[in-house]
Amino acid sequence: MGADTRPLTSLVPVRGPGLDLLALMGDVPSLDHAVDNLLHAPVSRLRREFEGLDFQPGHLPWARRVSEGDRDARRELAEAVRACHRLTVEPYWHRGRSELVALSTRCANLVLEGGIDLLLRSICAPLVRWRPPVLEAPYPRRVEIRLQGRGLIITPTVFAKRPMSLLRDPFDTAQPPRLTVPALRRPLTGTGPAEADGCAVRNLESLLGRTRAAALHVTAEGCTTSELARRLNVTAAAASQHATVLRNTDLITTSRGSSHPGGRMKTHLAAAVGSVALTAGALLGAPAAGAQTAAYPASPFDVTYGASYVRGTLTWYNRSVGVDGTLRAVGCRRAWFGAYGASGNQLGAVSTSTSTKCDVTYPFKIGIPADAPGGAAYVIVCVDDANANHLKCARVNRP
C-alpha cells in the first residue's frame, strides 16, 4: 500500500467496526458500477456510515470531508478504491473466480441431491448449524434475525479475514441479510493473472487456437459482438464466426435484445461445472443453466415515475417469473413485483422487491414465486418509495 491507496487506508478505524463500503458501493457486478455508486451516494447515507467510527486523530479532517460529501474527496476516495483493487484483488482474481465456480457447483449438486435442507446442513459445518427452521451461525453477540420473507443471501468469499460472517444493514430492513462462507480449499498465491493462468491459457490456445481462446476469455464477463470484435481487433464478421463456433460447442450462450442489437454473449459455465446454476430463479422453477429456454416467453416492462424508473424483461417460467431489470432511483426508490393468477389471486405468500436504492442506477436479477399450475397470468410492477408505498404501477400480462 502506498500514497495512491492512502485516502482509503486512512479511513481504517483505530478500533471497533469499520466503514461499510458494501453499503456505500452496493452489491453490483462491476468495479465501475460500484465506484459510480460511491460517487453518488447521498450525503445522509455517508454521514450515517461514518457516524461513531473511531479514526486516528490525524485522519479526522479527511474523514469529515468524505462524510460531508465533498466532491473532490469522493473522487480521491474512488481512485484509492481502484488502486487498492489493482493491488489486492486483480492479482488473485482468476484463481479466486475458479474457486467460486467450484463452490457453486458443489452447492448446486447438494441442492439436486437433497434440496435446500441438505445445502443448509452442509454449509461450513459445524460452524453453521441448520435446525429447521433456524439457521445458527457465529456472531459476536447473541442476535435473533427474523427474515420475514426477505430471504438469505449466501455469499462465498475468497478475501474475508474471518472464516465466515453475518452481514446486515440495520438501516435497510427490506434488504436480506448476507451470510459469507469461505470458498477456498487452499490459499491463493500472490502470482499475477498472467503467470498464474499461463499454463491453462496455453493449453486452451492449443485446443481452440489463440484467437478463439481469447474470444472465450473476453466473453467470460459478457459482451456484445461488436465489443468482441473491438477487443480482439478483428472484423465484426470474424467475431460473429468465432462466437458461432463457441456457441455451437456449448461454450457460450447468446441472447438478443433491442438494447443490444449485436446480441449479448455470456460464458456458458454449465458445460464445465455440471449443467446447473445455483440461482434464485433455478430454485423457484426456472430452467437450469444449459436448458433450452426458447420455449419460455418473455415480456418487456417499463414503469417510469418522474425521473425514476424500473425497466427490464420478465421471463415466464412454469412456477416462477424471472426478472432481469434496472432500477433508476432519483431520491430513494425500490422496485416491487407481484405475481397473480388468472382469477386475480396473488401467487406466493409474499411479494418480491429490491432493497431501497438512493440516487443510483441499479441492475438486478430476481425471481418472483408463482407456485401454481401454469405459473403466473400477469405480474404487477411498481416503483415504490423508501416506505414501500406504490408510486406508480403497471400490469404486464403473460404472452
Protein backbone atom coordinates (compact mmCIF):
# COMPACT_ATOMS: atom_id res chain seq x y z
CA MET A 1 0.00 0.00 0.00
CA GLY A 2 1.28 3.46 -0.86
CA ALA A 3 0.20 7.03 -1.42
CA ASP A 4 -2.37 6.08 -4.06
CA THR A 5 -4.31 3.96 -1.55
CA ARG A 6 -3.89 6.29 1.44
CA PRO A 7 -7.28 8.04 1.01
CA LEU A 8 -8.84 4.62 1.66
CA THR A 9 -6.45 3.21 4.27
CA SER A 10 -6.75 6.44 6.27
CA LEU A 11 -10.37 5.50 6.91
CA VAL A 12 -9.45 2.29 8.74
CA PRO A 13 -10.54 2.93 12.35
CA VAL A 14 -8.29 2.53 15.36
CA ARG A 15 -10.66 0.02 16.92
CA GLY A 16 -14.21 -1.22 16.60
CA PRO A 17 -16.29 -1.57 13.45
CA GLY A 18 -15.01 -0.34 10.11
CA LEU A 19 -16.52 1.62 7.27
CA ASP A 20 -19.15 -0.43 5.42
CA LEU A 21 -18.11 0.07 1.80
CA LEU A 22 -20.64 -2.51 0.63
CA ALA A 23 -23.43 -0.28 1.92
CA LEU A 24 -21.99 2.71 0.04
CA MET A 25 -21.00 0.95 -3.19
CA GLY A 26 -23.76 -1.63 -3.47
CA ASP A 27 -23.88 -5.28 -4.43
CA VAL A 28 -23.16 -4.71 -8.11
CA PRO A 29 -21.42 -6.80 -10.80
CA SER A 30 -18.53 -4.46 -11.66
CA LEU A 31 -16.00 -2.17 -10.00
CA ASP A 32 -17.01 0.72 -12.28
CA HIS A 33 -20.63 0.46 -11.15
CA ALA A 34 -19.59 0.26 -7.50
CA VAL A 35 -17.38 3.35 -7.82
CA ASP A 36 -20.22 5.22 -9.52
CA ASN A 37 -22.50 4.39 -6.60
CA LEU A 38 -19.85 5.67 -4.18
CA LEU A 39 -19.54 8.94 -6.09
CA HIS A 40 -23.31 9.47 -6.00
CA ALA A 41 -24.15 8.13 -2.52
CA PRO A 42 -26.48 10.51 -0.64
CA VAL A 43 -24.74 12.68 1.95
CA SER A 44 -27.21 11.43 4.55
CA ARG A 45 -26.03 7.87 3.90
CA LEU A 46 -22.36 8.91 4.12
CA ARG A 47 -22.91 10.62 7.45
CA ARG A 48 -24.76 7.60 8.79
CA GLU A 49 -22.00 5.17 7.78
CA PHE A 50 -19.24 7.37 9.26
CA GLU A 51 -21.10 8.06 12.49
CA GLY A 52 -19.41 6.60 15.58
CA LEU A 53 -16.29 5.30 13.79
CA ASP A 54 -13.04 5.75 15.74
CA PHE A 55 -10.49 7.26 13.32
CA GLN A 56 -6.91 8.28 14.03
CA PRO A 57 -6.90 11.93 15.22
CA GLY A 58 -4.73 12.95 12.27
CA HIS A 59 -7.21 11.41 9.83
CA LEU A 60 -10.33 13.06 11.26
CA PRO A 61 -10.29 16.09 8.89
CA TRP A 62 -10.11 13.76 5.90
CA ALA A 63 -12.88 11.52 7.25
CA ARG A 64 -15.01 14.61 7.86
CA ARG A 65 -14.55 15.80 4.26
CA VAL A 66 -15.65 12.42 2.89
CA SER A 67 -18.61 12.11 5.26
CA GLU A 68 -19.86 15.57 4.29
CA GLY A 69 -19.88 14.60 0.62
CA ASP A 70 -17.01 16.83 -0.58
CA ARG A 71 -16.82 16.18 -4.33
CA ASP A 72 -13.02 16.19 -4.59
CA ALA A 73 -12.73 13.98 -1.52
CA ARG A 74 -15.12 11.46 -3.06
CA ARG A 75 -13.08 11.36 -6.26
CA GLU A 76 -9.86 10.80 -4.31
CA LEU A 77 -11.50 8.01 -2.35
CA ALA A 78 -12.84 6.44 -5.55
CA GLU A 79 -9.37 6.44 -7.12
CA ALA A 80 -7.95 4.92 -3.94
CA VAL A 81 -10.56 2.12 -4.13
CA ARG A 82 -9.44 1.41 -7.70
CA ALA A 83 -5.78 1.42 -6.66
CA CYS A 84 -6.49 -0.94 -3.77
CA HIS A 85 -8.40 -3.24 -6.13
CA ARG A 86 -5.42 -3.36 -8.51
CA LEU A 87 -3.08 -4.32 -5.66
CA THR A 88 -5.21 -6.68 -3.60
CA VAL A 89 -7.81 -8.22 -5.90
CA GLU A 90 -6.67 -8.27 -9.53
CA PRO A 91 -3.55 -10.44 -8.98
CA TYR A 92 -5.70 -13.15 -7.38
CA TRP A 93 -8.98 -12.81 -9.21
CA HIS A 94 -8.55 -15.50 -11.87
CA ARG A 95 -7.81 -18.19 -9.31
CA GLY A 96 -10.35 -16.83 -6.87
CA ARG A 97 -13.05 -16.92 -9.54
CA SER A 98 -12.23 -20.56 -10.28
CA GLU A 99 -12.74 -21.38 -6.60
CA LEU A 100 -16.10 -19.58 -6.63
CA VAL A 101 -17.23 -21.56 -9.66
CA ALA A 102 -16.17 -24.81 -7.98
CA LEU A 103 -18.10 -23.94 -4.82
CA SER A 104 -21.23 -23.01 -6.78
CA THR A 105 -21.02 -26.40 -8.47
CA ARG A 106 -20.79 -28.20 -5.14
CA CYS A 107 -23.74 -26.24 -3.80
CA ALA A 108 -25.78 -26.96 -6.91
CA ASN A 109 -25.08 -30.68 -6.56
CA LEU A 110 -26.19 -30.56 -2.92
CA VAL A 111 -29.47 -28.95 -3.94
CA LEU A 112 -30.01 -31.61 -6.59
CA GLU A 113 -29.26 -34.41 -4.15
CA GLY A 114 -31.20 -33.21 -1.12
CA GLY A 115 -32.78 -29.84 -1.75
CA ILE A 116 -32.25 -26.68 0.27
CA ASP A 117 -32.27 -28.69 3.50
CA LEU A 118 -29.11 -30.58 2.53
CA LEU A 119 -27.44 -27.39 1.32
CA LEU A 120 -28.04 -25.60 4.62
CA ARG A 121 -26.91 -28.62 6.62
CA SER A 122 -23.67 -28.75 4.62
CA ILE A 123 -22.57 -25.10 4.83
CA CYS A 124 -19.47 -24.73 7.00
CA ALA A 125 -20.44 -27.42 9.46
CA PRO A 126 -20.01 -27.38 12.43
CA LEU A 127 -19.69 -23.56 12.48
CA VAL A 128 -23.14 -23.28 10.93
CA ARG A 129 -25.96 -25.48 12.23
CA TRP A 130 -29.28 -25.96 10.46
CA ARG A 131 -32.03 -26.73 12.93
CA PRO A 132 -35.19 -26.17 10.92
CA PRO A 133 -36.47 -23.56 10.75
CA VAL A 134 -33.46 -21.89 12.42
CA LEU A 135 -30.00 -21.41 10.87
CA GLU A 136 -27.40 -20.80 13.58
CA ALA A 137 -24.16 -19.00 12.64
CA PRO A 138 -21.28 -17.46 14.62
CA TYR A 139 -21.79 -13.83 15.66
CA PRO A 140 -20.03 -11.63 18.26
CA ARG A 141 -23.19 -11.49 20.38
CA ARG A 142 -26.49 -13.30 20.56
CA VAL A 143 -28.84 -11.85 17.96
CA GLU A 144 -32.03 -13.29 16.52
CA ILE A 145 -32.78 -12.20 12.96
CA ARG A 146 -36.21 -12.90 11.55
CA LEU A 147 -36.15 -12.99 7.77
CA GLN A 148 -39.87 -12.27 7.38
CA GLY A 149 -39.88 -13.27 3.73
CA ARG A 150 -36.70 -11.38 2.78
CA GLY A 151 -34.64 -14.49 2.13
CA LEU A 152 -30.98 -15.04 2.96
CA ILE A 153 -28.07 -14.31 0.63
CA ILE A 154 -25.28 -16.88 0.93
CA THR A 155 -22.09 -15.24 -0.35
CA PRO A 156 -18.90 -17.27 -0.95
CA THR A 157 -15.78 -15.20 -0.22
CA VAL A 158 -12.12 -15.53 -1.12
CA PHE A 159 -10.72 -12.49 0.70
CA ALA A 160 -12.56 -12.41 4.04
CA LYS A 161 -10.38 -12.29 7.16
CA ARG A 162 -12.82 -14.34 9.23
CA PRO A 163 -13.91 -17.85 8.22
CA MET A 164 -17.47 -16.58 8.00
CA SER A 165 -19.62 -13.64 9.00
CA LEU A 166 -23.20 -12.43 9.03
CA LEU A 167 -23.73 -9.01 7.47
CA ARG A 168 -26.89 -6.97 7.74
CA ASP A 169 -27.86 -3.36 7.24
CA PRO A 170 -29.84 -2.13 10.27
CA PHE A 171 -30.90 0.96 8.26
CA ASP A 172 -32.46 -1.07 5.44
CA THR A 173 -34.83 -3.64 6.88
CA ALA A 174 -36.02 -4.67 3.40
CA GLN A 175 -32.57 -5.91 2.39
CA PRO A 176 -31.92 -9.58 3.13
CA PRO A 177 -29.02 -10.38 5.47
CA ARG A 178 -25.89 -11.88 3.96
CA LEU A 179 -24.08 -14.94 5.26
CA THR A 180 -20.50 -15.10 3.98
CA VAL A 181 -18.84 -18.50 3.75
CA PRO A 182 -15.29 -19.37 2.71
CA ALA A 183 -14.82 -20.55 -0.87
CA LEU A 184 -11.15 -21.50 -0.70
CA ARG A 185 -9.92 -25.04 -0.40
CA ARG A 186 -6.32 -23.80 -0.43
CA PRO A 187 -4.73 -20.34 0.00
CA LEU A 188 -4.43 -18.12 -3.04
CA THR A 189 -0.86 -17.42 -4.10
CA GLY A 190 0.45 -13.98 -4.94
CA THR A 191 1.20 -14.63 -8.58
CA GLY A 192 -0.41 -12.31 -11.07
CA PRO A 193 -3.09 -13.37 -13.51
CA ALA A 194 -0.77 -13.84 -16.44
CA GLU A 195 1.69 -16.02 -14.54
CA ALA A 196 -0.93 -17.92 -12.56
CA ASP A 197 -3.01 -18.91 -15.57
CA GLY A 198 -0.25 -19.07 -18.17
CA CYS A 199 -0.23 -22.84 -18.46
CA ALA A 200 -4.01 -23.09 -18.64
CA VAL A 201 -4.13 -20.34 -21.26
CA ARG A 202 -1.52 -22.09 -23.40
CA ASN A 203 -3.44 -25.36 -23.17
CA LEU A 204 -6.65 -23.60 -24.16
CA GLU A 205 -4.89 -21.95 -27.10
CA SER A 206 -3.63 -25.34 -28.24
CA LEU A 207 -7.17 -26.69 -28.14
CA LEU A 208 -9.10 -23.78 -29.65
CA GLY A 209 -6.50 -21.61 -31.35
CA ARG A 210 -5.16 -18.34 -29.97
CA THR A 211 -7.89 -16.01 -31.29
CA ARG A 212 -10.78 -18.28 -30.35
CA ALA A 213 -9.32 -18.85 -26.88
CA ALA A 214 -9.08 -15.08 -26.49
CA ALA A 215 -12.71 -14.77 -27.61
CA LEU A 216 -13.79 -17.24 -24.93
CA HIS A 217 -11.87 -15.24 -22.32
CA VAL A 218 -13.42 -11.93 -23.43
CA THR A 219 -16.98 -13.29 -23.25
CA ALA A 220 -16.45 -14.52 -19.68
CA GLU A 221 -17.94 -11.31 -18.29
CA GLY A 222 -20.44 -10.78 -21.11
CA CYS A 223 -20.09 -8.59 -24.19
CA THR A 224 -21.77 -7.75 -27.47
CA THR A 225 -20.49 -9.00 -30.81
CA SER A 226 -19.22 -5.53 -31.68
CA GLU A 227 -17.39 -5.32 -28.35
CA LEU A 228 -15.84 -8.73 -29.02
CA ALA A 229 -14.61 -7.56 -32.44
CA ARG A 230 -13.10 -4.42 -30.96
CA ARG A 231 -11.28 -6.23 -28.15
CA LEU A 232 -9.93 -8.94 -30.47
CA ASN A 233 -9.05 -6.36 -33.16
CA VAL A 234 -10.91 -8.33 -35.81
CA THR A 235 -13.83 -7.56 -38.12
CA ALA A 236 -17.41 -7.91 -36.93
CA ALA A 237 -17.87 -10.82 -39.34
CA ALA A 238 -14.86 -12.64 -37.86
CA ALA A 239 -16.08 -12.03 -34.30
CA SER A 240 -19.50 -13.38 -35.24
CA GLN A 241 -17.90 -16.50 -36.72
CA HIS A 242 -15.85 -17.15 -33.56
CA ALA A 243 -18.97 -16.65 -31.44
CA THR A 244 -20.93 -19.08 -33.61
CA VAL A 245 -18.30 -21.81 -33.20
CA LEU A 246 -18.17 -21.31 -29.43
CA ARG A 247 -21.95 -21.33 -29.19
CA ASN A 248 -22.29 -24.48 -31.31
CA THR A 249 -19.91 -26.29 -28.96
CA ASP A 250 -21.90 -25.12 -25.90
CA LEU A 251 -19.04 -22.99 -24.55
CA ILE A 252 -21.12 -19.81 -24.59
CA THR A 253 -24.75 -18.85 -24.90
CA THR A 254 -26.12 -15.86 -26.78
CA SER A 255 -29.25 -13.83 -26.32
CA ARG A 256 -30.54 -10.91 -28.34
CA GLY A 257 -32.47 -7.87 -27.19
CA SER A 258 -33.45 -4.48 -28.52
CA SER A 259 -30.93 -2.71 -26.29
CA HIS A 260 -28.07 -4.84 -27.63
CA PRO A 261 -28.51 -5.20 -31.39
CA GLY A 262 -25.42 -7.33 -31.71
CA GLY A 263 -26.51 -9.80 -29.05
CA ARG A 264 -25.01 -10.21 -25.60
CA MET A 265 -22.74 -13.17 -25.01
CA LYS A 266 -22.04 -14.86 -21.72
CA THR A 267 -19.74 -17.73 -20.93
CA HIS A 268 -21.73 -20.96 -20.58
CA LEU A 269 -20.31 -22.22 -17.29
CA ALA A 270 -22.77 -25.08 -17.12
CA ALA A 271 -20.85 -27.13 -19.69
CA ALA A 272 -17.84 -27.14 -17.39
CA VAL A 273 -19.45 -27.25 -13.93
CA GLY A 274 -22.32 -29.70 -14.17
CA SER A 275 -25.14 -28.03 -16.09
CA VAL A 276 -26.65 -26.39 -13.01
CA ALA A 277 -26.53 -22.76 -11.87
CA LEU A 278 -27.42 -22.09 -8.25
CA THR A 279 -29.66 -19.07 -8.64
CA ALA A 280 -32.88 -17.99 -7.05
CA GLY A 281 -34.56 -18.44 -10.40
CA ALA A 282 -33.49 -22.07 -10.65
CA LEU A 283 -34.66 -22.80 -7.11
CA LEU A 284 -38.04 -21.23 -7.88
CA GLY A 285 -38.63 -23.26 -11.00
CA ALA A 286 -36.58 -21.50 -13.69
CA PRO A 287 -34.63 -23.80 -16.03
CA ALA A 288 -31.13 -24.89 -15.05
CA ALA A 289 -28.26 -23.29 -16.90
CA GLY A 290 -27.86 -25.03 -20.20
CA ALA A 291 -31.54 -25.91 -20.51
CA GLN A 292 -33.33 -24.84 -23.66
CA THR A 293 -35.08 -21.56 -22.86
CA ALA A 294 -36.66 -20.76 -26.22
CA ALA A 295 -39.98 -22.21 -25.04
CA TYR A 296 -40.25 -19.69 -22.19
CA PRO A 297 -41.94 -16.45 -23.27
CA ALA A 298 -40.57 -13.05 -22.27
CA SER A 299 -42.15 -9.61 -21.90
CA PRO A 300 -40.51 -6.17 -21.62
CA PHE A 301 -41.68 -3.78 -18.89
CA ASP A 302 -41.14 -0.08 -18.20
CA VAL A 303 -42.60 1.81 -15.24
CA THR A 304 -41.50 5.44 -15.03
CA TYR A 305 -42.25 7.83 -12.19
CA GLY A 306 -40.72 11.26 -12.71
CA ALA A 307 -37.01 10.72 -13.29
CA SER A 308 -37.08 7.29 -11.63
CA TYR A 309 -37.91 4.10 -13.46
CA VAL A 310 -37.76 0.33 -13.39
CA ARG A 311 -37.26 -1.39 -16.75
CA GLY A 312 -36.32 -4.81 -17.99
CA THR A 313 -37.65 -8.18 -19.06
CA LEU A 314 -39.92 -10.75 -17.43
CA THR A 315 -39.33 -14.40 -18.33
CA TRP A 316 -42.38 -16.58 -17.69
CA TYR A 317 -41.41 -19.98 -16.26
CA ASN A 318 -43.76 -22.73 -15.15
CA ARG A 319 -43.87 -21.82 -11.45
CA SER A 320 -41.97 -18.55 -11.25
CA VAL A 321 -41.22 -15.38 -13.17
CA GLY A 322 -37.63 -14.27 -13.72
CA VAL A 323 -36.84 -10.56 -13.67
CA ASP A 324 -33.79 -9.07 -15.38
CA GLY A 325 -34.12 -5.35 -14.80
CA THR A 326 -32.67 -1.96 -13.95
CA LEU A 327 -33.87 0.41 -11.26
CA ARG A 328 -33.05 4.08 -11.72
CA ALA A 329 -33.60 5.74 -8.35
CA VAL A 330 -33.76 9.53 -8.14
CA GLY A 331 -34.17 10.02 -4.44
CA CYS A 332 -34.83 6.75 -2.63
CA ARG A 333 -36.81 4.15 -4.58
CA ARG A 334 -37.34 0.41 -4.81
CA ALA A 335 -38.82 -1.92 -7.41
CA TRP A 336 -41.79 -4.10 -6.38
CA PHE A 337 -43.22 -7.17 -8.14
CA GLY A 338 -46.27 -9.31 -7.51
CA ALA A 339 -47.35 -12.41 -9.47
CA TYR A 340 -51.06 -13.15 -9.88
CA GLY A 341 -53.23 -15.98 -11.18
CA ALA A 342 -55.97 -15.68 -13.78
CA SER A 343 -58.59 -15.07 -11.07
CA GLY A 344 -56.62 -12.18 -9.59
CA ASN A 345 -55.24 -14.07 -6.59
CA GLN A 346 -51.66 -13.29 -5.62
CA LEU A 347 -49.37 -16.28 -6.02
CA GLY A 348 -46.90 -16.82 -3.20
CA ALA A 349 -47.12 -15.74 0.42
CA VAL A 350 -45.20 -12.50 -0.13
CA SER A 351 -44.40 -10.11 -2.92
CA THR A 352 -40.88 -9.56 -4.20
CA SER A 353 -38.91 -6.32 -4.22
CA THR A 354 -35.42 -4.96 -4.46
CA SER A 355 -33.89 -3.21 -1.50
CA THR A 356 -34.21 0.57 -1.31
CA LYS A 357 -31.72 2.39 -3.52
CA CYS A 358 -30.93 6.09 -3.39
CA ASP A 359 -29.72 8.16 -6.35
CA VAL A 360 -28.20 5.25 -8.26
CA THR A 361 -28.81 3.13 -11.32
CA TYR A 362 -29.04 -0.45 -10.06
CA PRO A 363 -29.19 -3.58 -12.26
CA PHE A 364 -30.75 -6.63 -10.64
CA LYS A 365 -31.95 -10.17 -11.27
CA ILE A 366 -34.60 -11.72 -9.04
CA GLY A 367 -37.20 -14.45 -9.13
CA ILE A 368 -40.91 -14.00 -8.35
CA PRO A 369 -42.61 -17.07 -6.84
CA ALA A 370 -45.65 -18.20 -8.83
CA ASP A 371 -46.30 -21.66 -7.39
CA ALA A 372 -49.43 -22.63 -9.30
CA PRO A 373 -50.08 -24.86 -12.31
CA GLY A 374 -49.10 -22.92 -15.40
CA GLY A 375 -47.42 -20.16 -13.42
CA ALA A 376 -48.47 -16.51 -13.29
CA ALA A 377 -51.12 -14.99 -15.56
CA TYR A 378 -49.81 -11.49 -15.01
CA VAL A 379 -47.32 -9.51 -12.93
CA ILE A 380 -47.78 -6.10 -11.32
CA VAL A 381 -44.60 -3.98 -11.46
CA CYS A 382 -44.33 -0.88 -9.27
CA VAL A 383 -41.92 1.91 -8.43
CA ASP A 384 -42.09 2.35 -4.64
CA ASP A 385 -40.78 4.99 -2.27
CA ALA A 386 -38.48 4.17 0.64
CA ASN A 387 -41.52 3.36 2.82
CA ALA A 388 -42.81 0.73 0.37
CA ASN A 389 -45.65 2.94 -0.86
CA HIS A 390 -46.53 2.33 -4.52
CA LEU A 391 -45.83 5.48 -6.57
CA LYS A 392 -46.70 4.05 -9.95
CA CYS A 393 -47.57 0.54 -11.14
CA ALA A 394 -48.19 -1.28 -14.40
CA ARG A 395 -49.67 -4.66 -15.24
CA VAL A 396 -47.73 -7.00 -17.54
CA ASN A 397 -49.73 -9.91 -18.94
CA ARG A 398 -48.25 -13.28 -19.76
CA PRO A 399 -47.92 -13.56 -23.58
